[in-house]
Amino acid sequence: MAHHFRDAIAADDVALAEIYGHYVSTTVVTFDIVEVTPEIMTAKRVAVEESGLPFIVAVDDTERVLGYAAMFPWRPKAAYKHTVEGSIYLSPAATGQGVGGALLTELLDRGRQIGIREIIAVISDEGTEASVHLHQKLGFESIGHLKRVGFKFDRWVGTYLLQKSLDA
């Protein structure tokens, strides 16, 4: 699938909310349980931009958003400023076509450029085999499994933690 990357902009917020909303309403990939409106997505995107971290989109030749990736502060304490949590979501139509790997690679490159040293992926332990495989393929290492830490759709779900050093 032909695509390119750019920083997310306000005009993308409706598409971003639709992509994320799919995962909120139909999966345990995210532990969010409340619908994400374009206004909520705007606030998320602006907060990332204001923190100096990347929030990027993959778009096709018509500028249709295929997916997005962002870095969020890992923890609010100043000593963590070089460690982030990475997040990546694809439109269901874009899965399995190489967009995810390219998008995550672009996010890692942008993180390196701004001095990020460590990136952590927090991935649901249910129905996310492809995501875990993608992260491992790009050099993320498993650092833990938090069991039964989220409750969604009337069941307990855990998370895998994976980490990659960007300064190596």
C-alpha atoms as a PDB file:
ATOM      1  CA  MET A   1       0.000   0.000   0.000  1.00  0.00           C
ATOM      2  CA  ALA A   2       1.519   3.324  -1.065  1.00  0.00           C
ATOM      3  CA  HIS A   3       1.922   5.734   1.821  1.00  0.00           C
ATOM      4  CA  HIS A   4       4.016   8.515   3.279  1.00  0.00           C
ATOM      5  CA  PHE A   5       4.402  10.091   6.711  1.00  0.00           C
ATOM      6  CA  ARG A   6       3.827  13.532   8.106  1.00  0.00           C
ATOM      7  CA  ASP A   7       3.060  15.199  11.406  1.00  0.00           C
ATOM      8  CA  ALA A   8      -0.574  14.863  12.440  1.00  0.00           C
ATOM      9  CA  ILE A   9      -2.614  18.050  12.007  1.00  0.00           C
ATOM     10  CA  ALA A  10      -6.006  19.272  13.208  1.00  0.00           C
ATOM     11  CA  ALA A  11      -7.663  18.147   9.973  1.00  0.00           C
ATOM     12  CA  ASP A  12      -6.709  14.546  10.873  1.00  0.00           C
ATOM     13  CA  ASP A  13      -8.467  14.477  14.240  1.00  0.00           C
ATOM     14  CA  VAL A  14     -11.763  13.038  12.958  1.00  0.00           C
ATOM     15  CA  ALA A  15      -9.939  10.187  11.195  1.00  0.00           C
ATOM     16  CA  LEU A  16      -7.712   9.608  14.227  1.00  0.00           C
ATOM     17  CA  ALA A  17     -10.765   9.361  16.485  1.00  0.00           C
ATOM     18  CA  GLU A  18     -12.425   6.927  14.060  1.00  0.00           C
ATOM     19  CA  ILE A  19      -9.352   4.690  13.924  1.00  0.00           C
ATOM     20  CA  TYR A  20      -8.886   4.679  17.688  1.00  0.00           C
ATOM     21  CA  GLY A  21     -12.632   4.387  18.259  1.00  0.00           C
ATOM     22  CA  HIS A  22     -12.682   1.103  16.351  1.00  0.00           C
ATOM     23  CA  TYR A  23     -10.244  -0.378  18.875  1.00  0.00           C
ATOM     24  CA  VAL A  24     -12.045   1.157  21.865  1.00  0.00           C
ATOM     25  CA  SER A  25     -15.428  -0.250  20.890  1.00  0.00           C
ATOM     26  CA  THR A  26     -14.459  -3.661  19.510  1.00  0.00           C
ATOM     27  CA  THR A  27     -11.211  -4.848  21.119  1.00  0.00           C
ATOM     28  CA  VAL A  28      -9.142  -5.006  24.283  1.00  0.00           C
ATOM     29  CA  VAL A  29      -6.125  -3.622  22.413  1.00  0.00           C
ATOM     30  CA  THR A  30      -6.728  -0.401  24.334  1.00  0.00           C
ATOM     31  CA  PHE A  31      -8.100  -0.272  27.843  1.00  0.00           C
ATOM     32  CA  ASP A  32     -10.057   2.892  27.088  1.00  0.00           C
ATOM     33  CA  ILE A  33     -13.753   2.136  27.439  1.00  0.00           C
ATOM     34  CA  VAL A  34     -15.309   5.511  26.604  1.00  0.00           C
ATOM     35  CA  GLU A  35     -15.830   6.709  23.051  1.00  0.00           C
ATOM     36  CA  VAL A  36     -13.051   8.989  21.856  1.00  0.00           C
ATOM     37  CA  THR A  37     -14.422  12.064  20.134  1.00  0.00           C
ATOM     38  CA  PRO A  38     -12.463  14.210  17.690  1.00  0.00           C
ATOM     39  CA  GLU A  39     -12.223  16.819  20.468  1.00  0.00           C
ATOM     40  CA  ILE A  40     -10.598  14.309  22.815  1.00  0.00           C
ATOM     41  CA  MET A  41      -8.204  13.286  20.044  1.00  0.00           C
ATOM     42  CA  THR A  42      -7.377  16.946  19.439  1.00  0.00           C
ATOM     43  CA  ALA A  43      -6.482  17.373  23.096  1.00  0.00           C
ATOM     44  CA  LYS A  44      -4.297  14.245  22.983  1.00  0.00           C
ATOM     45  CA  ARG A  45      -2.514  15.354  19.818  1.00  0.00           C
ATOM     46  CA  VAL A  46      -1.939  18.893  21.081  1.00  0.00           C
ATOM     47  CA  ALA A  47      -0.583  17.618  24.422  1.00  0.00           C
ATOM     48  CA  VAL A  48       1.920  15.430  22.561  1.00  0.00           C
ATOM     49  CA  GLU A  49       2.945  18.315  20.307  1.00  0.00           C
ATOM     50  CA  GLU A  50       3.356  20.649  23.297  1.00  0.00           C
ATOM     51  CA  SER A  51       5.575  18.085  25.026  1.00  0.00           C
ATOM     52  CA  GLY A  52       7.880  18.127  21.986  1.00  0.00           C
ATOM     53  CA  LEU A  53       7.213  14.484  21.120  1.00  0.00           C
ATOM     54  CA  PRO A  54       6.201  13.150  17.700  1.00  0.00           C
ATOM     55  CA  PHE A  55       2.605  12.426  16.694  1.00  0.00           C
ATOM     56  CA  ILE A  56       2.692  11.240  13.089  1.00  0.00           C
ATOM     57  CA  VAL A  57       0.295   9.808  10.541  1.00  0.00           C
ATOM     58  CA  ALA A  58       0.693   7.470   7.619  1.00  0.00           C
ATOM     59  CA  VAL A  59      -1.398   8.701   4.706  1.00  0.00           C
ATOM     60  CA  ASP A  60      -2.055   7.431   1.214  1.00  0.00           C
ATOM     61  CA  ASP A  61      -1.669   9.453  -1.987  1.00  0.00           C
ATOM     62  CA  THR A  62      -5.066  11.099  -1.383  1.00  0.00           C
ATOM     63  CA  GLU A  63      -4.014  12.100   2.188  1.00  0.00           C
ATOM     64  CA  ARG A  64      -6.414   9.543   3.718  1.00  0.00           C
ATOM     65  CA  VAL A  65      -5.112   8.588   7.160  1.00  0.00           C
ATOM     66  CA  LEU A  66      -4.075   4.926   7.265  1.00  0.00           C
ATOM     67  CA  GLY A  67      -2.793   4.967  10.821  1.00  0.00           C
ATOM     68  CA  TYR A  68      -0.950   6.966  13.409  1.00  0.00           C
ATOM     69  CA  ALA A  69       1.856   6.637  15.919  1.00  0.00           C
ATOM     70  CA  ALA A  70       2.847   8.815  18.830  1.00  0.00           C
ATOM     71  CA  MET A  71       5.178   9.029  21.776  1.00  0.00           C
ATOM     72  CA  PHE A  72       3.824   9.910  25.202  1.00  0.00           C
ATOM     73  CA  PRO A  73       5.798  10.728  28.335  1.00  0.00           C
ATOM     74  CA  TRP A  74       6.416   7.487  30.261  1.00  0.00           C
ATOM     75  CA  ARG A  75       6.024   9.133  33.670  1.00  0.00           C
ATOM     76  CA  PRO A  76       5.648  12.768  34.739  1.00  0.00           C
ATOM     77  CA  LYS A  77       8.828  12.954  36.843  1.00  0.00           C
ATOM     78  CA  ALA A  78      11.684  14.883  35.232  1.00  0.00           C
ATOM     79  CA  ALA A  79      14.166  11.999  35.441  1.00  0.00           C
ATOM     80  CA  TYR A  80      12.009  10.076  32.947  1.00  0.00           C
ATOM     81  CA  LYS A  81      12.163  12.771  30.256  1.00  0.00           C
ATOM     82  CA  HIS A  82      14.162  10.575  27.847  1.00  0.00           C
ATOM     83  CA  THR A  83      11.814   7.586  28.188  1.00  0.00           C
ATOM     84  CA  VAL A  84       8.480   7.386  26.365  1.00  0.00           C
ATOM     85  CA  GLU A  85       5.599   5.061  25.715  1.00  0.00           C
ATOM     86  CA  GLY A  86       5.003   4.389  22.055  1.00  0.00           C
ATOM     87  CA  SER A  87       1.542   3.967  20.611  1.00  0.00           C
ATOM     88  CA  ILE A  88       0.517   2.858  17.137  1.00  0.00           C
ATOM     89  CA  TYR A  89      -2.922   2.278  15.619  1.00  0.00           C
ATOM     90  CA  LEU A  90      -3.866   1.375  12.073  1.00  0.00           C
ATOM     91  CA  SER A  91      -7.076   1.653  10.149  1.00  0.00           C
ATOM     92  CA  PRO A  92      -8.452  -1.895   9.834  1.00  0.00           C
ATOM     93  CA  ALA A  93      -8.075  -1.548   6.047  1.00  0.00           C
ATOM     94  CA  ALA A  94      -4.345  -0.864   6.419  1.00  0.00           C
ATOM     95  CA  THR A  95      -3.411  -3.859   8.571  1.00  0.00           C
ATOM     96  CA  GLY A  96      -1.193  -6.577   7.146  1.00  0.00           C
ATOM     97  CA  GLN A  97       0.197  -4.366   4.373  1.00  0.00           C
ATOM     98  CA  GLY A  98       3.477  -3.163   5.840  1.00  0.00           C
ATOM     99  CA  VAL A  99       2.145   0.199   6.982  1.00  0.00           C
ATOM    100  CA  GLY A 100       2.518  -0.642  10.683  1.00  0.00           C
ATOM    101  CA  GLY A 101       6.179  -1.597  10.455  1.00  0.00           C
ATOM    102  CA  ALA A 102       7.027   1.436   8.380  1.00  0.00           C
ATOM    103  CA  LEU A 103       5.073   3.723  10.707  1.00  0.00           C
ATOM    104  CA  LEU A 104       6.738   2.346  13.832  1.00  0.00           C
ATOM    105  CA  THR A 105      10.171   2.614  12.183  1.00  0.00           C
ATOM    106  CA  GLU A 106       9.457   6.276  11.363  1.00  0.00           C
ATOM    107  CA  LEU A 107       8.389   6.912  14.955  1.00  0.00           C
ATOM    108  CA  LEU A 108      11.609   5.356  16.280  1.00  0.00           C
ATOM    109  CA  ASP A 109      13.702   7.465  13.900  1.00  0.00           C
ATOM    110  CA  ARG A 110      11.954  10.638  15.004  1.00  0.00           C
ATOM    111  CA  GLY A 111      12.448   9.679  18.637  1.00  0.00           C
ATOM    112  CA  ARG A 112      16.183   9.238  18.077  1.00  0.00           C
ATOM    113  CA  GLN A 113      16.378  12.666  16.425  1.00  0.00           C
ATOM    114  CA  ILE A 114      15.000  14.373  19.527  1.00  0.00           C
ATOM    115  CA  GLY A 115      17.093  12.461  22.053  1.00  0.00           C
ATOM    116  CA  ILE A 116      14.706   9.780  23.257  1.00  0.00           C
ATOM    117  CA  ARG A 117      16.746   6.935  24.762  1.00  0.00           C
ATOM    118  CA  GLU A 118      14.125   4.352  25.736  1.00  0.00           C
ATOM    119  CA  ILE A 119      10.720   3.497  24.317  1.00  0.00           C
ATOM    120  CA  ILE A 120       8.261   1.213  26.043  1.00  0.00           C
ATOM    121  CA  ALA A 121       5.370  -0.575  24.374  1.00  0.00           C
ATOM    122  CA  VAL A 122       2.431  -1.600  26.538  1.00  0.00           C
ATOM    123  CA  ILE A 123       0.504  -4.217  24.577  1.00  0.00           C
ATOM    124  CA  SER A 124      -2.637  -6.063  25.618  1.00  0.00           C
ATOM    125  CA  ASP A 125      -2.047  -9.761  26.184  1.00  0.00           C
ATOM    126  CA  GLU A 126      -5.131 -10.761  24.225  1.00  0.00           C
ATOM    127  CA  GLY A 127      -5.446 -10.686  20.427  1.00  0.00           C
ATOM    128  CA  THR A 128      -2.227  -8.765  19.823  1.00  0.00           C
ATOM    129  CA  GLU A 129       0.127 -11.399  18.462  1.00  0.00           C
ATOM    130  CA  ALA A 130       0.820  -9.370  15.317  1.00  0.00           C
ATOM    131  CA  SER A 131       1.679  -6.269  17.349  1.00  0.00           C
ATOM    132  CA  VAL A 132       4.009  -8.170  19.670  1.00  0.00           C
ATOM    133  CA  HIS A 133       5.696  -9.785  16.644  1.00  0.00           C
ATOM    134  CA  LEU A 134       6.104  -6.415  14.906  1.00  0.00           C
ATOM    135  CA  HIS A 135       7.709  -4.833  17.958  1.00  0.00           C
ATOM    136  CA  GLN A 136      10.063  -7.788  18.447  1.00  0.00           C
ATOM    137  CA  LYS A 137      11.000  -7.699  14.757  1.00  0.00           C
ATOM    138  CA  LEU A 138      12.040  -4.053  15.245  1.00  0.00           C
ATOM    139  CA  GLY A 139      14.222  -4.877  18.243  1.00  0.00           C
ATOM    140  CA  PHE A 140      11.908  -4.503  21.209  1.00  0.00           C
ATOM    141  CA  GLU A 141      12.616  -6.948  24.033  1.00  0.00           C
ATOM    142  CA  SER A 142      10.065  -8.392  26.417  1.00  0.00           C
ATOM    143  CA  ILE A 143      10.531  -6.942  29.901  1.00  0.00           C
ATOM    144  CA  GLY A 144       7.412  -8.139  31.664  1.00  0.00           C
ATOM    145  CA  HIS A 145       3.856  -9.338  31.782  1.00  0.00           C
ATOM    146  CA  LEU A 146       1.298  -7.632  33.979  1.00  0.00           C
ATOM    147  CA  LYS A 147      -1.542 -10.090  34.476  1.00  0.00           C
ATOM    148  CA  ARG A 148      -5.185  -9.101  34.896  1.00  0.00           C
ATOM    149  CA  VAL A 149      -4.556  -5.365  35.243  1.00  0.00           C
ATOM    150  CA  GLY A 150      -7.436  -4.160  33.065  1.00  0.00           C
ATOM    151  CA  PHE A 151     -11.136  -5.015  33.051  1.00  0.00           C
ATOM    152  CA  LYS A 152     -12.983  -4.579  29.771  1.00  0.00           C
ATOM    153  CA  PHE A 153     -15.901  -6.356  28.112  1.00  0.00           C
ATOM    154  CA  ASP A 154     -16.606  -8.264  31.337  1.00  0.00           C
ATOM    155  CA  ARG A 155     -13.191  -9.899  31.521  1.00  0.00           C
ATOM    156  CA  TRP A 156      -9.747  -9.306  32.982  1.00  0.00           C
ATOM    157  CA  VAL A 157      -6.926  -8.571  30.555  1.00  0.00           C
ATOM    158  CA  GLY A 158      -3.201  -8.123  31.085  1.00  0.00           C
ATOM    159  CA  THR A 159      -0.429  -6.322  29.280  1.00  0.00           C
ATOM    160  CA  TYR A 160       2.959  -7.211  27.910  1.00  0.00           C
ATOM    161  CA  LEU A 161       5.741  -4.683  28.369  1.00  0.00           C
ATOM    162  CA  LEU A 162       8.383  -4.429  25.656  1.00  0.00           C
ATOM    163  CA  GLN A 163      11.320  -2.005  25.573  1.00  0.00           C
ATOM    164  CA  LYS A 164      13.795  -0.755  22.992  1.00  0.00           C
ATOM    165  CA  SER A 165      16.880   1.395  23.487  1.00  0.00           C
ATOM    166  CA  LEU A 166      17.213   4.070  20.828  1.00  0.00           C
ATOM    167  CA  ASP A 167      20.715   5.193  21.711  1.00  0.00           C
ATOM    168  CA  ALA A 168      22.407   1.899  20.864  1.00  0.00           C
END
